[in-house]
């Protein structure tokens, strides 16, 4: 009987291979990701890995998609508190070796690979959508001035940009104080007038 993606054994072997691929990506970047290396790490036959991903590009894309995090997902509380809490969790993820490899690979490959570009756009588009909703709610509660919702992408770049730069370019691990200072600096221009 032919195996399909609904076969529990196929799903398990795929998940095991993706976990192995994610470890390899974290340890050495995309250059360490080969069918043979994934098979060896996952303790499975190379043919099994090839059956799931006939080419290396598909394996890398699935690994990135599995390991990627949405950049912003906020709750319904005060927007400053939500941003600091979520971004501290994001910073904790960014401080792990796999995240640096995922973000760096997505940034580099998105320039030439339309599928990776779509993944990058999805990561940041979801951030824009969540942030726009949270900003609109903050304006309605009187936390921020009206009009900020039209500047979501700029605000996101003022918040995420410094954190990504610190982590990926300087190798620093942003702490809670750095996250809070970054959020406060980005929101300062939109505070309600006294």
Protein backbone atom coordinates (compact mmCIF):
# COMPACT_ATOMS: atom_id res chain seq x y z
CA UNK A 1 0.00 0.00 0.00
CA UNK A 2 1.50 3.41 -0.97
CA UNK A 3 2.37 5.82 1.79
CA UNK A 4 0.86 9.27 1.75
CA UNK A 5 1.46 12.40 3.77
CA UNK A 6 -1.44 11.26 5.94
CA UNK A 7 0.40 8.10 6.90
CA UNK A 8 1.43 8.47 10.58
CA UNK A 9 4.81 6.84 9.87
CA UNK A 10 5.51 9.31 7.07
CA UNK A 11 4.51 12.23 9.32
CA UNK A 12 6.80 10.93 12.09
CA UNK A 13 9.76 10.42 9.77
CA UNK A 14 9.21 13.86 8.25
CA UNK A 15 9.06 15.50 11.71
CA UNK A 16 12.20 13.64 12.80
CA UNK A 17 14.04 14.72 9.65
CA UNK A 18 12.93 18.35 10.07
CA UNK A 19 14.14 18.35 13.70
CA UNK A 20 17.50 17.03 12.52
CA UNK A 21 17.63 19.61 9.72
CA UNK A 22 16.85 22.40 12.18
CA UNK A 23 19.71 21.27 14.44
CA UNK A 24 22.09 21.21 11.47
CA UNK A 25 20.97 24.66 10.37
CA UNK A 26 21.57 26.00 13.90
CA UNK A 27 25.00 24.39 14.13
CA UNK A 28 26.42 25.42 10.79
CA UNK A 29 23.98 27.35 8.66
CA UNK A 30 22.42 26.25 5.39
CA UNK A 31 25.70 24.84 4.07
CA UNK A 32 25.46 22.02 6.63
CA UNK A 33 22.06 20.98 5.37
CA UNK A 34 22.40 17.99 3.05
CA UNK A 35 20.27 14.92 2.53
CA UNK A 36 23.10 12.74 3.86
CA UNK A 37 23.65 14.88 6.96
CA UNK A 38 19.93 14.98 7.78
CA UNK A 39 19.64 11.21 7.31
CA UNK A 40 22.64 10.57 9.56
CA UNK A 41 21.41 12.97 12.27
CA UNK A 42 17.85 11.59 12.13
CA UNK A 43 19.13 8.00 12.06
CA UNK A 44 17.16 7.14 8.93
CA UNK A 45 17.95 6.13 5.40
CA UNK A 46 18.93 8.76 2.89
CA UNK A 47 16.18 7.48 0.59
CA UNK A 48 13.59 8.45 3.22
CA UNK A 49 14.87 12.00 3.29
CA UNK A 50 14.90 12.13 -0.53
CA UNK A 51 11.34 10.78 -0.59
CA UNK A 52 10.15 13.72 1.52
CA UNK A 53 12.36 16.32 -0.22
CA UNK A 54 13.60 15.36 -3.71
CA UNK A 55 15.79 18.47 -3.81
CA UNK A 56 17.83 20.37 -1.25
CA UNK A 57 16.01 23.65 -1.83
CA UNK A 58 12.70 22.09 -0.73
CA UNK A 59 14.38 20.66 2.38
CA UNK A 60 15.82 24.05 3.30
CA UNK A 61 12.52 25.84 2.68
CA UNK A 62 10.58 23.39 4.86
CA UNK A 63 13.24 23.66 7.58
CA UNK A 64 13.03 27.45 7.54
CA UNK A 65 9.23 27.40 7.51
CA UNK A 66 9.11 25.01 10.46
CA UNK A 67 11.68 26.93 12.51
CA UNK A 68 10.51 30.47 11.69
CA UNK A 69 8.64 32.54 14.25
CA UNK A 70 6.08 35.24 13.56
CA UNK A 71 7.82 38.48 14.47
CA UNK A 72 4.95 40.01 16.45
CA UNK A 73 1.84 38.45 17.97
CA UNK A 74 0.24 40.67 20.57
CA UNK A 75 -2.57 40.16 23.05
CA UNK A 76 -5.24 42.66 24.05
CA UNK A 77 -3.58 44.43 27.00
CA UNK A 78 -1.87 47.82 27.07
CA UNK A 79 0.18 48.01 23.88
CA UNK A 80 3.47 49.01 25.52
CA UNK A 81 3.26 46.10 27.99
CA UNK A 82 2.24 43.69 25.23
CA UNK A 83 5.13 44.81 23.03
CA UNK A 84 7.70 44.51 25.82
CA UNK A 85 6.42 41.08 26.89
CA UNK A 86 6.22 39.69 23.37
CA UNK A 87 9.50 41.19 22.25
CA UNK A 88 11.26 39.80 25.30
CA UNK A 89 9.96 36.37 24.30
CA UNK A 90 11.11 37.11 20.76
CA UNK A 91 14.52 38.19 22.08
CA UNK A 92 14.74 34.94 24.05
CA UNK A 93 14.10 33.09 20.76
CA UNK A 94 16.57 35.32 18.91
CA UNK A 95 19.18 34.52 21.53
CA UNK A 96 19.07 30.83 20.54
CA UNK A 97 21.51 29.68 17.82
CA UNK A 98 18.74 28.33 15.58
CA UNK A 99 16.99 31.69 15.34
CA UNK A 100 20.10 33.51 14.18
CA UNK A 101 20.57 30.87 11.48
CA UNK A 102 16.91 31.02 10.44
CA UNK A 103 16.72 34.82 10.29
CA UNK A 104 20.09 35.18 8.55
CA UNK A 105 19.21 32.49 6.01
CA UNK A 106 15.78 33.95 5.32
CA UNK A 107 17.26 37.43 4.87
CA UNK A 108 20.01 36.20 2.55
CA UNK A 109 17.97 33.75 0.47
CA UNK A 110 14.93 36.02 0.11
CA UNK A 111 16.92 38.16 -2.32
CA UNK A 112 17.07 35.35 -4.88
CA UNK A 113 14.44 32.75 -3.97
CA UNK A 114 10.77 33.71 -4.39
CA UNK A 115 9.61 30.99 -1.96
CA UNK A 116 11.92 32.22 0.78
CA UNK A 117 10.85 35.79 -0.04
CA UNK A 118 7.24 34.68 0.53
CA UNK A 119 8.24 33.20 3.88
CA UNK A 120 9.97 36.46 4.84
CA UNK A 121 6.97 38.48 3.74
CA UNK A 122 4.64 36.21 5.70
CA UNK A 123 6.73 36.59 8.86
CA UNK A 124 6.63 40.37 8.61
CA UNK A 125 3.12 40.74 7.14
CA UNK A 126 1.69 38.88 10.11
CA UNK A 127 3.70 41.21 12.33
CA UNK A 128 2.16 44.21 10.56
CA UNK A 129 -1.36 42.82 10.89
CA UNK A 130 -1.01 42.04 14.60
CA UNK A 131 0.63 45.36 15.33
CA UNK A 132 -1.97 47.35 13.35
CA UNK A 133 -4.78 45.71 15.33
CA UNK A 134 -2.98 46.31 18.64
CA UNK A 135 -2.27 49.95 17.75
CA UNK A 136 -5.90 50.59 16.78
CA UNK A 137 -7.00 49.17 20.13
CA UNK A 138 -4.41 51.32 21.94
CA UNK A 139 -5.71 54.43 20.18
CA UNK A 140 -9.28 53.52 21.18
CA UNK A 141 -8.13 53.15 24.81
CA UNK A 142 -6.34 56.51 24.69
CA UNK A 143 -2.85 55.02 25.10
CA UNK A 144 -1.57 56.42 21.79
CA UNK A 145 -2.54 59.20 19.41
CA UNK A 146 -4.69 58.53 16.36
CA UNK A 147 -2.84 58.04 13.11
CA UNK A 148 -0.23 55.63 14.40
CA UNK A 149 -2.00 52.75 12.65
CA UNK A 150 -0.96 54.27 9.32
CA UNK A 151 2.69 53.99 10.38
CA UNK A 152 2.70 50.34 11.45
CA UNK A 153 5.56 49.25 9.20
CA UNK A 154 7.74 52.19 10.29
CA UNK A 155 7.01 51.47 13.95
CA UNK A 156 7.75 47.75 13.49
CA UNK A 157 11.09 48.59 11.87
CA UNK A 158 11.95 50.98 14.73
CA UNK A 159 11.27 48.20 17.21
CA UNK A 160 12.47 45.06 15.43
CA UNK A 161 15.34 46.67 13.55
CA UNK A 162 17.51 47.50 16.58
CA UNK A 163 16.86 44.10 18.17
CA UNK A 164 17.75 42.22 14.99
CA UNK A 165 20.83 44.41 14.49
CA UNK A 166 22.02 43.80 18.04
CA UNK A 167 21.58 40.05 17.71
CA UNK A 168 22.64 39.39 14.12
CA UNK A 169 25.25 42.04 13.49
CA UNK A 170 26.76 42.64 16.92
CA UNK A 171 26.17 39.19 18.42
CA UNK A 172 24.64 40.77 21.53
CA UNK A 173 21.75 39.18 23.34
CA UNK A 174 19.06 41.81 23.98
CA UNK A 175 17.78 41.78 27.57
CA UNK A 176 14.49 43.04 29.00
CA UNK A 177 15.85 46.56 29.62
CA UNK A 178 17.06 46.87 26.03
CA UNK A 179 13.71 45.63 24.75
CA UNK A 180 11.77 48.08 26.96
CA UNK A 181 14.02 51.00 25.94
CA UNK A 182 13.56 50.13 22.26
CA UNK A 183 9.75 49.96 22.60
CA UNK A 184 9.63 53.23 24.58
CA UNK A 185 11.78 55.04 22.00
CA UNK A 186 9.56 53.83 19.15
CA UNK A 187 6.31 54.78 20.90
CA UNK A 188 7.52 58.15 22.28
CA UNK A 189 6.37 60.23 19.31
CA UNK A 190 2.85 58.77 19.56
CA UNK A 191 2.18 59.32 23.24
CA UNK A 192 -0.98 61.38 23.90
CA UNK A 193 -0.37 65.07 24.45
CA UNK A 194 -0.90 66.17 28.09
